[in-house]
Amino acid sequence: MANICAICGKKSQMVWKLKKLRGKYNPTVKKRKYPNLQWVRLPSGDRRDKSLLPPSLRSGKRVKACTKCIKAMGKRK
């Protein structure tokens, strides 16, 4: 569970790495891409948007969250 966002559940995915060979793209290698996860402390206290988070994440604990969720949490303040 180290590479999964605790808020939205975003995780790694497999993608094809395209390499150009003689003017055409050759799908050669599969590569795993990871989300941009950062440690963040969840907001605590009585707030109206508290219900948007899952019940296990409502305290002020530290979790790994993707940058898209961190940006959305900043807009809810």
PDB file of N, CA and C in Angstrom:
ATOM      1  N   MET A   1       0.817  -1.189   0.000  1.00  0.00           N
ATOM      2  CA  MET A   1       0.000   0.000   0.000  1.00  0.00           C
ATOM      3  C   MET A   1       0.864   1.258   0.000  1.00  0.00           C
ATOM      4  N   ALA A   2       2.141   1.105  -0.263  1.00  0.00           N
ATOM      5  CA  ALA A   2       3.030   2.255  -0.216  1.00  0.00           C
ATOM      6  C   ALA A   2       2.822   3.186  -1.404  1.00  0.00           C
ATOM      7  N   ASN A   3       2.427   2.647  -2.558  1.00  0.00           N
ATOM      8  CA  ASN A   3       2.300   3.483  -3.749  1.00  0.00           C
ATOM      9  C   ASN A   3       0.848   3.683  -4.154  1.00  0.00           C
ATOM     10  N   ILE A   4      -0.024   3.884  -3.171  1.00  0.00           N
ATOM     11  CA  ILE A   4      -1.444   4.130  -3.435  1.00  0.00           C
ATOM     12  C   ILE A   4      -1.856   5.383  -2.681  1.00  0.00           C
ATOM     13  N   CYS A   5      -2.583   6.266  -3.345  1.00  0.00           N
ATOM     14  CA  CYS A   5      -3.092   7.471  -2.696  1.00  0.00           C
ATOM     15  C   CYS A   5      -4.151   7.066  -1.672  1.00  0.00           C
ATOM     16  N   ALA A   6      -4.044   7.578  -0.452  1.00  0.00           N
ATOM     17  CA  ALA A   6      -4.975   7.210   0.609  1.00  0.00           C
ATOM     18  C   ALA A   6      -6.347   7.850   0.421  1.00  0.00           C
ATOM     19  N   ILE A   7      -6.454   8.904  -0.368  1.00  0.00           N
ATOM     20  CA  ILE A   7      -7.726   9.610  -0.523  1.00  0.00           C
ATOM     21  C   ILE A   7      -8.500   9.101  -1.737  1.00  0.00           C
ATOM     22  N   CYS A   8      -7.869   9.096  -2.903  1.00  0.00           N
ATOM     23  CA  CYS A   8      -8.598   8.714  -4.124  1.00  0.00           C
ATOM     24  C   CYS A   8      -8.297   7.297  -4.590  1.00  0.00           C
ATOM     25  N   GLY A   9      -7.244   6.669  -4.093  1.00  0.00           N
ATOM     26  CA  GLY A   9      -6.920   5.302  -4.475  1.00  0.00           C
ATOM     27  C   GLY A   9      -6.116   5.191  -5.758  1.00  0.00           C
ATOM     28  N   LYS A  10      -5.537   6.279  -6.224  1.00  0.00           N
ATOM     29  CA  LYS A  10      -4.724   6.245  -7.451  1.00  0.00           C
ATOM     30  C   LYS A  10      -3.490   5.391  -7.202  1.00  0.00           C
ATOM     31  N   LYS A  11      -3.149   4.525  -8.181  1.00  0.00           N
ATOM     32  CA  LYS A  11      -1.991   3.654  -8.033  1.00  0.00           C
ATOM     33  C   LYS A  11      -1.220   3.602  -9.344  1.00  0.00           C
ATOM     34  N   SER A  12      -0.185   2.783  -9.382  1.00  0.00           N
ATOM     35  CA  SER A  12       0.666   2.722 -10.570  1.00  0.00           C
ATOM     36  C   SER A  12      -0.068   2.048 -11.722  1.00  0.00           C
ATOM     37  N   GLN A  13       0.440   2.287 -12.952  1.00  0.00           N
ATOM     38  CA  GLN A  13      -0.154   1.683 -14.132  1.00  0.00           C
ATOM     39  C   GLN A  13       0.938   1.373 -15.143  1.00  0.00           C
ATOM     40  N   MET A  14       0.676   0.384 -15.988  1.00  0.00           N
ATOM     41  CA  MET A  14       1.627  -0.014 -17.017  1.00  0.00           C
ATOM     42  C   MET A  14       1.360   0.798 -18.288  1.00  0.00           C
ATOM     43  N   VAL A  15       2.426   1.297 -18.901  1.00  0.00           N
ATOM     44  CA  VAL A  15       2.304   2.056 -20.147  1.00  0.00           C
ATOM     45  C   VAL A  15       3.350   1.533 -21.130  1.00  0.00           C
ATOM     46  N   TRP A  16       3.071   1.708 -22.419  1.00  0.00           N
ATOM     47  CA  TRP A  16       4.030   1.360 -23.454  1.00  0.00           C
ATOM     48  C   TRP A  16       4.976   2.529 -23.673  1.00  0.00           C
ATOM     49  N   LYS A  17       6.251   2.245 -23.760  1.00  0.00           N
ATOM     50  CA  LYS A  17       7.228   3.263 -24.100  1.00  0.00           C
ATOM     51  C   LYS A  17       7.455   3.168 -25.603  1.00  0.00           C
ATOM     52  N   LEU A  18       7.112   4.217 -26.328  1.00  0.00           N
ATOM     53  CA  LEU A  18       7.230   4.208 -27.783  1.00  0.00           C
ATOM     54  C   LEU A  18       8.617   4.679 -28.198  1.00  0.00           C
ATOM     55  N   LYS A  19       9.208   3.938 -29.117  1.00  0.00           N
ATOM     56  CA  LYS A  19      10.522   4.294 -29.625  1.00  0.00           C
ATOM     57  C   LYS A  19      10.410   4.444 -31.139  1.00  0.00           C
ATOM     58  N   LYS A  20      10.928   5.549 -31.663  1.00  0.00           N
ATOM     59  CA  LYS A  20      10.848   5.785 -33.102  1.00  0.00           C
ATOM     60  C   LYS A  20      11.965   5.017 -33.807  1.00  0.00           C
ATOM     61  N   LEU A  21      11.564   4.227 -34.802  1.00  0.00           N
ATOM     62  CA  LEU A  21      12.516   3.413 -35.529  1.00  0.00           C
ATOM     63  C   LEU A  21      12.219   3.523 -37.020  1.00  0.00           C
ATOM     64  N   ARG A  22      13.101   4.145 -37.767  1.00  0.00           N
ATOM     65  CA  ARG A  22      12.968   4.332 -39.221  1.00  0.00           C
ATOM     66  C   ARG A  22      11.673   5.038 -39.592  1.00  0.00           C
ATOM     67  N   GLY A  23      11.335   6.088 -38.876  1.00  0.00           N
ATOM     68  CA  GLY A  23      10.160   6.894 -39.198  1.00  0.00           C
ATOM     69  C   GLY A  23       8.858   6.369 -38.640  1.00  0.00           C
ATOM     70  N   LYS A  24       8.857   5.192 -37.994  1.00  0.00           N
ATOM     71  CA  LYS A  24       7.634   4.635 -37.412  1.00  0.00           C
ATOM     72  C   LYS A  24       7.860   4.353 -35.941  1.00  0.00           C
ATOM     73  N   TYR A  25       6.795   4.420 -35.182  1.00  0.00           N
ATOM     74  CA  TYR A  25       6.901   4.157 -33.755  1.00  0.00           C
ATOM     75  C   TYR A  25       6.801   2.664 -33.493  1.00  0.00           C
ATOM     76  N   ASN A  26       7.710   2.172 -32.692  1.00  0.00           N
ATOM     77  CA  ASN A  26       7.779   0.757 -32.369  1.00  0.00           C
ATOM     78  C   ASN A  26       7.513   0.591 -30.878  1.00  0.00           C
ATOM     79  N   PRO A  27       6.362   0.028 -30.493  1.00  0.00           N
ATOM     80  CA  PRO A  27       6.106  -0.167 -29.063  1.00  0.00           C
ATOM     81  C   PRO A  27       6.985  -1.284 -28.516  1.00  0.00           C
ATOM     82  N   THR A  28       8.065  -0.920 -27.852  1.00  0.00           N
ATOM     83  CA  THR A  28       9.059  -1.913 -27.478  1.00  0.00           C
ATOM     84  C   THR A  28       8.986  -2.341 -26.025  1.00  0.00           C
ATOM     85  N   VAL A  29       8.911  -1.411 -25.109  1.00  0.00           N
ATOM     86  CA  VAL A  29       9.085  -1.749 -23.703  1.00  0.00           C
ATOM     87  C   VAL A  29       7.861  -1.318 -22.909  1.00  0.00           C
ATOM     88  N   LYS A  30       7.403  -2.186 -22.043  1.00  0.00           N
ATOM     89  CA  LYS A  30       6.376  -1.803 -21.080  1.00  0.00           C
ATOM     90  C   LYS A  30       7.075  -1.204 -19.867  1.00  0.00           C
ATOM     91  N   LYS A  31       6.529  -0.110 -19.356  1.00  0.00           N
ATOM     92  CA  LYS A  31       7.138   0.575 -18.223  1.00  0.00           C
ATOM     93  C   LYS A  31       6.057   0.884 -17.204  1.00  0.00           C
ATOM     94  N   ARG A  32       6.379   0.786 -15.935  1.00  0.00           N
ATOM     95  CA  ARG A  32       5.413   1.101 -14.882  1.00  0.00           C
ATOM     96  C   ARG A  32       5.573   2.554 -14.478  1.00  0.00           C
ATOM     97  N   LYS A  33       4.468   3.313 -14.531  1.00  0.00           N
ATOM     98  CA  LYS A  33       4.484   4.721 -14.124  1.00  0.00           C
ATOM     99  C   LYS A  33       3.796   4.843 -12.774  1.00  0.00           C
ATOM    100  N   TYR A  34       4.418   5.597 -11.879  1.00  0.00           N
ATOM    101  CA  TYR A  34       3.915   5.759 -10.526  1.00  0.00           C
ATOM    102  C   TYR A  34       3.310   7.145 -10.350  1.00  0.00           C
ATOM    103  N   PRO A  35       2.282   7.268  -9.506  1.00  0.00           N
ATOM    104  CA  PRO A  35       1.713   8.596  -9.250  1.00  0.00           C
ATOM    105  C   PRO A  35       2.646   9.425  -8.365  1.00  0.00           C
ATOM    106  N   ASN A  36       2.472  10.731  -8.420  1.00  0.00           N
ATOM    107  CA  ASN A  36       3.288  11.645  -7.623  1.00  0.00           C
ATOM    108  C   ASN A  36       2.677  11.731  -6.226  1.00  0.00           C
ATOM    109  N   LEU A  37       3.163  10.886  -5.325  1.00  0.00           N
ATOM    110  CA  LEU A  37       2.635  10.831  -3.959  1.00  0.00           C
ATOM    111  C   LEU A  37       3.535  11.608  -3.013  1.00  0.00           C
ATOM    112  N   GLN A  38       2.915  12.349  -2.118  1.00  0.00           N
ATOM    113  CA  GLN A  38       3.632  13.146  -1.127  1.00  0.00           C
ATOM    114  C   GLN A  38       3.018  12.885   0.239  1.00  0.00           C
ATOM    115  N   TRP A  39       3.849  12.999   1.266  1.00  0.00           N
ATOM    116  CA  TRP A  39       3.327  12.907   2.634  1.00  0.00           C
ATOM    117  C   TRP A  39       2.592  14.199   2.956  1.00  0.00           C
ATOM    118  N   VAL A  40       1.392  14.080   3.523  1.00  0.00           N
ATOM    119  CA  VAL A  40       0.611  15.263   3.873  1.00  0.00           C
ATOM    120  C   VAL A  40      -0.163  14.955   5.160  1.00  0.00           C
ATOM    121  N   ARG A  41      -0.321  15.974   5.985  1.00  0.00           N
ATOM    122  CA  ARG A  41      -1.110  15.821   7.201  1.00  0.00           C
ATOM    123  C   ARG A  41      -2.532  16.262   6.887  1.00  0.00           C
ATOM    124  N   LEU A  42      -3.479  15.391   7.159  1.00  0.00           N
ATOM    125  CA  LEU A  42      -4.875  15.693   6.850  1.00  0.00           C
ATOM    126  C   LEU A  42      -5.411  16.740   7.807  1.00  0.00           C
ATOM    127  N   PRO A  43      -6.299  17.598   7.348  1.00  0.00           N
ATOM    128  CA  PRO A  43      -6.869  18.625   8.231  1.00  0.00           C
ATOM    129  C   PRO A  43      -7.723  17.991   9.307  1.00  0.00           C
ATOM    130  N   SER A  44      -7.649  18.556  10.500  1.00  0.00           N
ATOM    131  CA  SER A  44      -8.456  18.049  11.608  1.00  0.00           C
ATOM    132  C   SER A  44      -9.318  19.175  12.151  1.00  0.00           C
ATOM    133  N   GLY A  45     -10.253  18.826  12.985  1.00  0.00           N
ATOM    134  CA  GLY A  45     -11.145  19.817  13.570  1.00  0.00           C
ATOM    135  C   GLY A  45     -12.528  19.759  12.958  1.00  0.00           C
ATOM    136  N   ASP A  46     -13.426  20.610  13.439  1.00  0.00           N
ATOM    137  CA  ASP A  46     -14.795  20.643  12.942  1.00  0.00           C
ATOM    138  C   ASP A  46     -14.861  21.512  11.703  1.00  0.00           C
ATOM    139  N   ARG A  47     -15.111  20.879  10.573  1.00  0.00           N
ATOM    140  CA  ARG A  47     -15.244  21.598   9.311  1.00  0.00           C
ATOM    141  C   ARG A  47     -16.408  21.013   8.534  1.00  0.00           C
ATOM    142  N   ARG A  48     -16.984  21.800   7.651  1.00  0.00           N
ATOM    143  CA  ARG A  48     -18.127  21.316   6.872  1.00  0.00           C
ATOM    144  C   ARG A  48     -17.728  20.263   5.852  1.00  0.00           C
ATOM    145  N   ASP A  49     -16.535  20.410   5.246  1.00  0.00           N
ATOM    146  CA  ASP A  49     -16.120  19.472   4.211  1.00  0.00           C
ATOM    147  C   ASP A  49     -15.502  18.206   4.781  1.00  0.00           C
ATOM    148  N   LYS A  50     -15.648  17.991   6.083  1.00  0.00           N
ATOM    149  CA  LYS A  50     -15.101  16.822   6.744  1.00  0.00           C
ATOM    150  C   LYS A  50     -15.719  15.537   6.206  1.00  0.00           C
ATOM    151  N   SER A  51     -16.957  15.608   5.756  1.00  0.00           N
ATOM    152  CA  SER A  51     -17.647  14.416   5.290  1.00  0.00           C
ATOM    153  C   SER A  51     -17.142  13.939   3.929  1.00  0.00           C
ATOM    154  N   LEU A  52     -16.333  14.739   3.222  1.00  0.00           N
ATOM    155  CA  LEU A  52     -15.823  14.318   1.924  1.00  0.00           C
ATOM    156  C   LEU A  52     -14.741  13.250   2.054  1.00  0.00           C
ATOM    157  N   LEU A  53     -14.065  13.185   3.199  1.00  0.00           N
ATOM    158  CA  LEU A  53     -13.027  12.192   3.414  1.00  0.00           C
ATOM    159  C   LEU A  53     -13.635  10.914   3.983  1.00  0.00           C
ATOM    160  N   PRO A  54     -13.018   9.764   3.711  1.00  0.00           N
ATOM    161  CA  PRO A  54     -13.503   8.521   4.318  1.00  0.00           C
ATOM    162  C   PRO A  54     -13.398   8.581   5.843  1.00  0.00           C
ATOM    163  N   PRO A  55     -14.212   7.814   6.569  1.00  0.00           N
ATOM    164  CA  PRO A  55     -14.198   7.891   8.038  1.00  0.00           C
ATOM    165  C   PRO A  55     -12.853   7.561   8.657  1.00  0.00           C
ATOM    166  N   SER A  56     -12.069   6.680   8.043  1.00  0.00           N
ATOM    167  CA  SER A  56     -10.771   6.316   8.610  1.00  0.00           C
ATOM    168  C   SER A  56      -9.732   7.425   8.452  1.00  0.00           C
ATOM    169  N   LEU A  57     -10.010   8.432   7.622  1.00  0.00           N
ATOM    170  CA  LEU A  57      -9.035   9.494   7.359  1.00  0.00           C
ATOM    171  C   LEU A  57      -9.451  10.842   7.926  1.00  0.00           C
ATOM    172  N   ARG A  58     -10.387  10.875   8.842  1.00  0.00           N
ATOM    173  CA  ARG A  58     -10.892  12.165   9.328  1.00  0.00           C
ATOM    174  C   ARG A  58     -10.054  12.780  10.435  1.00  0.00           C
ATOM    175  N   SER A  59      -9.169  12.023  11.062  1.00  0.00           N
ATOM    176  CA  SER A  59      -8.337  12.619  12.100  1.00  0.00           C
ATOM    177  C   SER A  59      -7.192  13.380  11.443  1.00  0.00           C
ATOM    178  N   GLY A  60      -6.293  13.929  12.230  1.00  0.00           N
ATOM    179  CA  GLY A  60      -5.197  14.711  11.667  1.00  0.00           C
ATOM    180  C   GLY A  60      -3.960  13.889  11.414  1.00  0.00           C
ATOM    181  N   LYS A  61      -4.095  12.684  10.846  1.00  0.00           N
ATOM    182  CA  LYS A  61      -2.915  11.841  10.671  1.00  0.00           C
ATOM    183  C   LYS A  61      -2.213  12.095   9.345  1.00  0.00           C
ATOM    184  N   ARG A  62      -0.998  11.551   9.248  1.00  0.00           N
ATOM    185  CA  ARG A  62      -0.154  11.711   8.073  1.00  0.00           C
ATOM    186  C   ARG A  62      -0.390  10.565   7.112  1.00  0.00           C
ATOM    187  N   VAL A  63      -0.661  10.870   5.848  1.00  0.00           N
ATOM    188  CA  VAL A  63      -0.890   9.842   4.835  1.00  0.00           C
ATOM    189  C   VAL A  63      -0.180  10.253   3.554  1.00  0.00           C
ATOM    190  N   LYS A  64      -0.044   9.297   2.639  1.00  0.00           N
ATOM    191  CA  LYS A  64       0.483   9.608   1.315  1.00  0.00           C
ATOM    192  C   LYS A  64      -0.688   9.919   0.410  1.00  0.00           C
ATOM    193  N   ALA A  65      -0.639  11.087  -0.224  1.00  0.00           N
ATOM    194  CA  ALA A  65      -1.718  11.516  -1.112  1.00  0.00           C
ATOM    195  C   ALA A  65      -1.120  12.014  -2.414  1.00  0.00           C
ATOM    196  N   CYS A  66      -1.861  11.844  -3.512  1.00  0.00           N
ATOM    197  CA  CYS A  66      -1.382  12.334  -4.802  1.00  0.00           C
ATOM    198  C   CYS A  66      -1.505  13.860  -4.829  1.00  0.00           C
ATOM    199  N   THR A  67      -0.751  14.474  -5.708  1.00  0.00           N
ATOM    200  CA  THR A  67      -0.709  15.931  -5.749  1.00  0.00           C
ATOM    201  C   THR A  67      -2.043  16.532  -6.180  1.00  0.00           C
ATOM    202  N   LYS A  68      -2.828  15.785  -6.947  1.00  0.00           N
ATOM    203  CA  LYS A  68      -4.143  16.282  -7.352  1.00  0.00           C
ATOM    204  C   LYS A  68      -5.068  16.399  -6.139  1.00  0.00           C
ATOM    205  N   CYS A  69      -4.987  15.430  -5.219  1.00  0.00           N
ATOM    206  CA  CYS A  69      -5.810  15.489  -4.008  1.00  0.00           C
ATOM    207  C   CYS A  69      -5.325  16.585  -3.066  1.00  0.00           C
ATOM    208  N   ILE A  70      -3.994  16.781  -2.991  1.00  0.00           N
ATOM    209  CA  ILE A  70      -3.447  17.844  -2.137  1.00  0.00           C
ATOM    210  C   ILE A  70      -3.913  19.203  -2.635  1.00  0.00           C
ATOM    211  N   LYS A  71      -3.910  19.377  -3.961  1.00  0.00           N
ATOM    212  CA  LYS A  71      -4.356  20.632  -4.542  1.00  0.00           C
ATOM    213  C   LYS A  71      -5.834  20.854  -4.251  1.00  0.00           C
ATOM    214  N   ALA A  72      -6.655  19.798  -4.330  1.00  0.00           N
ATOM    215  CA  ALA A  72      -8.088  19.912  -4.062  1.00  0.00           C
ATOM    216  C   ALA A  72      -8.346  20.223  -2.580  1.00  0.00           C
ATOM    217  N   MET A  73      -7.536  19.654  -1.680  1.00  0.00           N
ATOM    218  CA  MET A  73      -7.687  19.938  -0.248  1.00  0.00           C
ATOM    219  C   MET A  73      -7.370  21.404   0.035  1.00  0.00           C
ATOM    220  N   GLY A  74      -6.419  21.981  -0.673  1.00  0.00           N
ATOM    221  CA  GLY A  74      -6.069  23.387  -0.487  1.00  0.00           C
ATOM    222  C   GLY A  74      -7.180  24.317  -0.926  1.00  0.00           C
ATOM    223  N   LYS A  75      -7.950  23.920  -1.907  1.00  0.00           N
ATOM    224  CA  LYS A  75      -9.048  24.754  -2.396  1.00  0.00           C
ATOM    225  C   LYS A  75     -10.256  24.704  -1.478  1.00  0.00           C
ATOM    226  N   ARG A  76     -10.370  23.655  -0.646  1.00  0.00           N
ATOM    227  CA  ARG A  76     -11.521  23.522   0.248  1.00  0.00           C
ATOM    228  C   ARG A  76     -11.390  24.355   1.508  1.00  0.00           C
ATOM    229  N   LYS A  77     -10.204  24.922   1.751  1.00  0.00           N
ATOM    230  CA  LYS A  77      -9.984  25.677   2.996  1.00  0.00           C
ATOM    231  C   LYS A  77     -10.836  26.922   3.057  1.00  0.00           C
TER     232      LYS A  77
END
